[in-house]
Protein backbone atom coordinates (compact mmCIF):
# COMPACT_ATOMS: atom_id res chain seq x y z
CA MET A 1 -0.50 -4.80 -2.05
CA PRO A 2 -0.69 -6.73 1.15
CA LEU A 3 2.43 -8.74 2.19
CA SER A 4 0.39 -11.87 2.26
CA MET A 5 -0.11 -11.62 -1.50
CA ALA A 6 3.54 -10.87 -2.37
CA THR A 7 5.96 -13.19 -4.21
CA PRO A 8 9.57 -13.74 -3.15
CA GLY A 9 11.45 -10.58 -3.79
CA ILE A 10 12.38 -7.11 -2.29
CA TYR A 11 9.81 -4.72 -1.08
CA ARG A 12 9.38 -1.46 0.94
CA VAL A 13 6.72 -1.23 3.70
CA LYS A 14 4.24 1.49 2.92
CA ALA A 15 1.78 1.09 5.80
CA ILE A 16 0.90 -1.07 8.68
CA ASN A 17 -2.83 -1.36 9.31
CA GLY A 18 -3.20 -2.49 12.89
CA GLY A 19 -3.42 -1.20 16.33
CA ARG A 20 -0.81 0.41 18.60
CA THR A 21 0.18 -3.05 20.16
CA MET A 22 0.79 -4.60 16.73
CA LEU A 23 2.61 -1.58 15.47
CA LYS A 24 4.91 -1.51 18.49
CA ARG A 25 5.48 -5.27 18.35
CA LEU A 26 6.48 -5.06 14.56
CA THR A 27 8.63 -2.00 15.23
CA ASP A 28 10.51 -3.75 18.02
CA MET A 29 11.24 -6.54 15.62
CA GLY A 30 12.69 -3.97 13.07
CA LEU A 31 9.73 -3.79 10.78
CA ARG A 32 8.77 -0.17 10.28
CA ILE A 33 7.17 1.97 7.59
CA GLY A 34 9.88 2.61 5.04
CA SER A 35 11.84 -0.52 5.87
CA ILE A 36 13.16 -2.60 2.97
CA LEU A 37 12.38 -6.27 3.45
CA GLN A 38 12.93 -9.48 1.46
CA VAL A 39 10.22 -11.91 1.16
CA VAL A 40 12.11 -15.40 1.57
CA SER A 41 9.30 -17.90 1.54
CA ILE A 42 5.51 -17.75 1.21
CA ASN A 43 2.97 -20.50 0.90
CA SER A 44 -0.67 -20.83 1.22
CA PHE A 45 -0.67 -22.72 4.49
CA GLY A 46 2.32 -21.55 6.58
CA PRO A 47 3.77 -18.34 7.67
CA VAL A 48 5.34 -15.63 5.60
CA ILE A 49 9.13 -15.62 6.04
CA VAL A 50 10.71 -12.24 5.67
CA GLN A 51 14.28 -10.96 6.15
CA VAL A 52 14.78 -7.38 7.68
CA ASN A 53 18.27 -6.14 8.58
CA ASN A 54 19.83 -9.69 8.57
CA THR A 55 17.02 -11.05 10.76
CA ARG A 56 14.46 -13.53 9.48
CA LEU A 57 10.87 -13.17 10.83
CA ALA A 58 8.01 -15.64 10.49
CA LEU A 59 4.79 -13.67 10.20
CA GLY A 60 1.28 -15.31 10.37
CA LYS A 61 -1.06 -14.75 7.36
CA GLY A 62 -3.28 -12.30 9.47
CA VAL A 63 -0.43 -10.00 10.47
CA ALA A 64 1.13 -10.22 6.94
CA HIS A 65 -2.28 -9.21 5.40
CA ARG A 66 -2.09 -5.96 7.38
CA ILE A 67 1.35 -4.93 6.17
CA ILE A 68 1.02 -3.06 2.93
CA VAL A 69 4.15 -3.18 0.65
CA GLU A 70 5.39 -1.88 -2.65
CA GLY A 71 8.19 -3.07 -4.96
CA ALA A 72 11.52 -1.57 -4.04
CA GLU A 73 13.30 -2.40 -7.26
């Protein structure tokens, strides 16, 4: 499921559907395929707040929609 449709909880990144630039940017921030992340906050109008390796990231809806996740529990 896309990260933009997730509810708060713990997930594993399955795929990132984007170009090389977006993939590099997310990788530089610590968000890689196989990474475990926690969705901290999500609402219909603002960014998706996730925590990866003790770092919180605010991702826009467009970027979050391209990140495919699965439940890690």
